[in-house]
Amino acid sequence: MQRRDKMNIFAEILRIATGGAKKTQIVYGAFLNFEIVKRYLSELSELGLLVASDGLYRTTERGLIFLECYNDLASILDRDLLAIDRVGEVCNVA
């Protein structure tokens, strides 16, 4: 598995928690361990992107906006990287 940066992990956790998810679902869905997830959940909550209630974590409205912006940016970057690769200017961009 490729190493992910913080924004990728934030987006994955927020995606999983969109409809509400238990910590275990987030751990397995994001392929992380409990200690790491605990830190990310805390940080996402502090940023107002995630809220916890009744044992479930839910993505907030602000979190959904983050997720939408993240997906838009990822789409633009993927398209640009594919265009560069087709032209042959850059190969094996990872």
C-alpha atoms as a PDB file:
ATOM      1  CA  MET A   1       0.000   0.000   0.000  1.00  0.00           C
ATOM      2  CA  GLN A   2       1.239   3.477  -0.882  1.00  0.00           C
ATOM      3  CA  ARG A   3       2.043   5.851   1.986  1.00  0.00           C
ATOM      4  CA  ARG A   4      -0.716   8.423   2.479  1.00  0.00           C
ATOM      5  CA  ASP A   5      -0.405  11.965   3.699  1.00  0.00           C
ATOM      6  CA  LYS A   6      -2.521  13.624   6.357  1.00  0.00           C
ATOM      7  CA  MET A   7      -5.027  15.124   3.903  1.00  0.00           C
ATOM      8  CA  ASN A   8      -5.625  11.728   2.263  1.00  0.00           C
ATOM      9  CA  ILE A   9      -6.298  10.164   5.657  1.00  0.00           C
ATOM     10  CA  PHE A  10      -8.547  13.065   6.726  1.00  0.00           C
ATOM     11  CA  ALA A  11     -10.573  12.641   3.541  1.00  0.00           C
ATOM     12  CA  GLU A  12     -10.845   8.869   3.956  1.00  0.00           C
ATOM     13  CA  ILE A  13     -12.050   9.147   7.560  1.00  0.00           C
ATOM     14  CA  LEU A  14     -14.564  11.849   6.642  1.00  0.00           C
ATOM     15  CA  ARG A  15     -15.835   9.748   3.733  1.00  0.00           C
ATOM     16  CA  ILE A  16     -16.333   6.743   6.005  1.00  0.00           C
ATOM     17  CA  ALA A  17     -18.088   8.854   8.665  1.00  0.00           C
ATOM     18  CA  THR A  18     -20.426  10.626   6.239  1.00  0.00           C
ATOM     19  CA  GLY A  19     -23.398   8.455   7.216  1.00  0.00           C
ATOM     20  CA  GLY A  20     -22.126   7.841  10.738  1.00  0.00           C
ATOM     21  CA  ALA A  21     -19.556   5.222  11.693  1.00  0.00           C
ATOM     22  CA  LYS A  22     -18.181   3.552  14.797  1.00  0.00           C
ATOM     23  CA  LYS A  23     -14.475   3.834  15.554  1.00  0.00           C
ATOM     24  CA  THR A  24     -13.981   0.181  14.542  1.00  0.00           C
ATOM     25  CA  GLN A  25     -15.527   0.840  11.122  1.00  0.00           C
ATOM     26  CA  ILE A  26     -13.182   3.775  10.635  1.00  0.00           C
ATOM     27  CA  VAL A  27     -10.145   1.728  11.705  1.00  0.00           C
ATOM     28  CA  TYR A  28     -10.880  -1.072   9.242  1.00  0.00           C
ATOM     29  CA  GLY A  29     -12.206   1.179   6.469  1.00  0.00           C
ATOM     30  CA  ALA A  30      -9.189   3.493   6.550  1.00  0.00           C
ATOM     31  CA  PHE A  31      -6.646   0.689   7.124  1.00  0.00           C
ATOM     32  CA  LEU A  32      -5.262   2.328  10.268  1.00  0.00           C
ATOM     33  CA  ASN A  33      -4.709   1.146  13.826  1.00  0.00           C
ATOM     34  CA  PHE A  34      -6.751   2.310  16.822  1.00  0.00           C
ATOM     35  CA  GLU A  35      -4.064   4.600  18.259  1.00  0.00           C
ATOM     36  CA  ILE A  36      -3.572   6.450  14.992  1.00  0.00           C
ATOM     37  CA  VAL A  37      -7.312   6.733  14.394  1.00  0.00           C
ATOM     38  CA  LYS A  38      -7.762   8.120  17.896  1.00  0.00           C
ATOM     39  CA  ARG A  39      -5.350  10.969  17.096  1.00  0.00           C
ATOM     40  CA  TYR A  40      -6.973  11.712  13.741  1.00  0.00           C
ATOM     41  CA  LEU A  41     -10.486  11.658  15.226  1.00  0.00           C
ATOM     42  CA  SER A  42      -9.385  14.125  17.886  1.00  0.00           C
ATOM     43  CA  GLU A  43      -7.823  16.458  15.339  1.00  0.00           C
ATOM     44  CA  LEU A  44     -10.803  16.272  12.975  1.00  0.00           C
ATOM     45  CA  SER A  45     -13.131  17.026  15.893  1.00  0.00           C
ATOM     46  CA  GLU A  46     -11.018  20.015  16.987  1.00  0.00           C
ATOM     47  CA  LEU A  47     -11.194  21.369  13.435  1.00  0.00           C
ATOM     48  CA  GLY A  48     -14.983  21.020  13.415  1.00  0.00           C
ATOM     49  CA  LEU A  49     -14.923  18.493  10.575  1.00  0.00           C
ATOM     50  CA  LEU A  50     -16.230  15.563  12.633  1.00  0.00           C
ATOM     51  CA  VAL A  51     -18.556  15.168  15.598  1.00  0.00           C
ATOM     52  CA  ALA A  52     -19.031  12.220  17.955  1.00  0.00           C
ATOM     53  CA  SER A  53     -22.311  11.256  19.593  1.00  0.00           C
ATOM     54  CA  ASP A  54     -23.795   7.991  20.871  1.00  0.00           C
ATOM     55  CA  GLY A  55     -20.679   6.044  19.879  1.00  0.00           C
ATOM     56  CA  LEU A  56     -20.868   7.218  16.258  1.00  0.00           C
ATOM     57  CA  TYR A  57     -18.662   9.658  14.420  1.00  0.00           C
ATOM     58  CA  ARG A  58     -20.342  11.832  11.819  1.00  0.00           C
ATOM     59  CA  THR A  59     -18.922  14.191   9.238  1.00  0.00           C
ATOM     60  CA  THR A  60     -20.128  17.743   9.880  1.00  0.00           C
ATOM     61  CA  GLU A  61     -21.290  20.216   7.240  1.00  0.00           C
ATOM     62  CA  ARG A  62     -17.823  21.768   7.400  1.00  0.00           C
ATOM     63  CA  GLY A  63     -16.341  18.282   6.929  1.00  0.00           C
ATOM     64  CA  LEU A  64     -18.492  17.719   3.857  1.00  0.00           C
ATOM     65  CA  ILE A  65     -17.217  20.998   2.396  1.00  0.00           C
ATOM     66  CA  PHE A  66     -13.628  19.869   3.079  1.00  0.00           C
ATOM     67  CA  LEU A  67     -14.369  16.530   1.387  1.00  0.00           C
ATOM     68  CA  GLU A  68     -15.895  18.220  -1.651  1.00  0.00           C
ATOM     69  CA  CYS A  69     -12.898  20.569  -2.021  1.00  0.00           C
ATOM     70  CA  TYR A  70     -10.475  17.679  -1.530  1.00  0.00           C
ATOM     71  CA  ASN A  71     -12.227  15.605  -4.204  1.00  0.00           C
ATOM     72  CA  ASP A  72     -12.269  18.550  -6.629  1.00  0.00           C
ATOM     73  CA  LEU A  73      -8.559  19.159  -6.136  1.00  0.00           C
ATOM     74  CA  ALA A  74      -7.728  15.454  -6.481  1.00  0.00           C
ATOM     75  CA  SER A  75      -9.717  15.344  -9.711  1.00  0.00           C
ATOM     76  CA  ILE A  76      -7.874  18.360 -11.139  1.00  0.00           C
ATOM     77  CA  LEU A  77      -4.464  17.006 -10.152  1.00  0.00           C
ATOM     78  CA  ASP A  78      -5.191  13.537 -11.544  1.00  0.00           C
ATOM     79  CA  ARG A  79      -6.345  15.030 -14.822  1.00  0.00           C
ATOM     80  CA  ASP A  80      -3.264  17.271 -15.053  1.00  0.00           C
ATOM     81  CA  LEU A  81      -0.893  14.412 -14.231  1.00  0.00           C
ATOM     82  CA  LEU A  82      -2.523  12.235 -16.880  1.00  0.00           C
ATOM     83  CA  ALA A  83      -2.216  15.042 -19.448  1.00  0.00           C
ATOM     84  CA  ILE A  84       1.459  15.547 -18.617  1.00  0.00           C
ATOM     85  CA  ASP A  85       2.100  11.807 -18.857  1.00  0.00           C
ATOM     86  CA  ARG A  86       0.359  11.600 -22.262  1.00  0.00           C
ATOM     87  CA  VAL A  87       2.556  14.369 -23.623  1.00  0.00           C
ATOM     88  CA  GLY A  88       5.576  12.508 -22.319  1.00  0.00           C
ATOM     89  CA  GLU A  89       6.987  15.364 -20.256  1.00  0.00           C
ATOM     90  CA  VAL A  90       6.824  13.429 -17.010  1.00  0.00           C
ATOM     91  CA  CYS A  91       6.673   9.670 -16.514  1.00  0.00           C
ATOM     92  CA  ASN A  92       5.853   7.570 -13.457  1.00  0.00           C
ATOM     93  CA  VAL A  93       4.497  10.415 -11.360  1.00  0.00           C
ATOM     94  CA  ALA A  94       3.690   9.068  -7.890  1.00  0.00           C
END
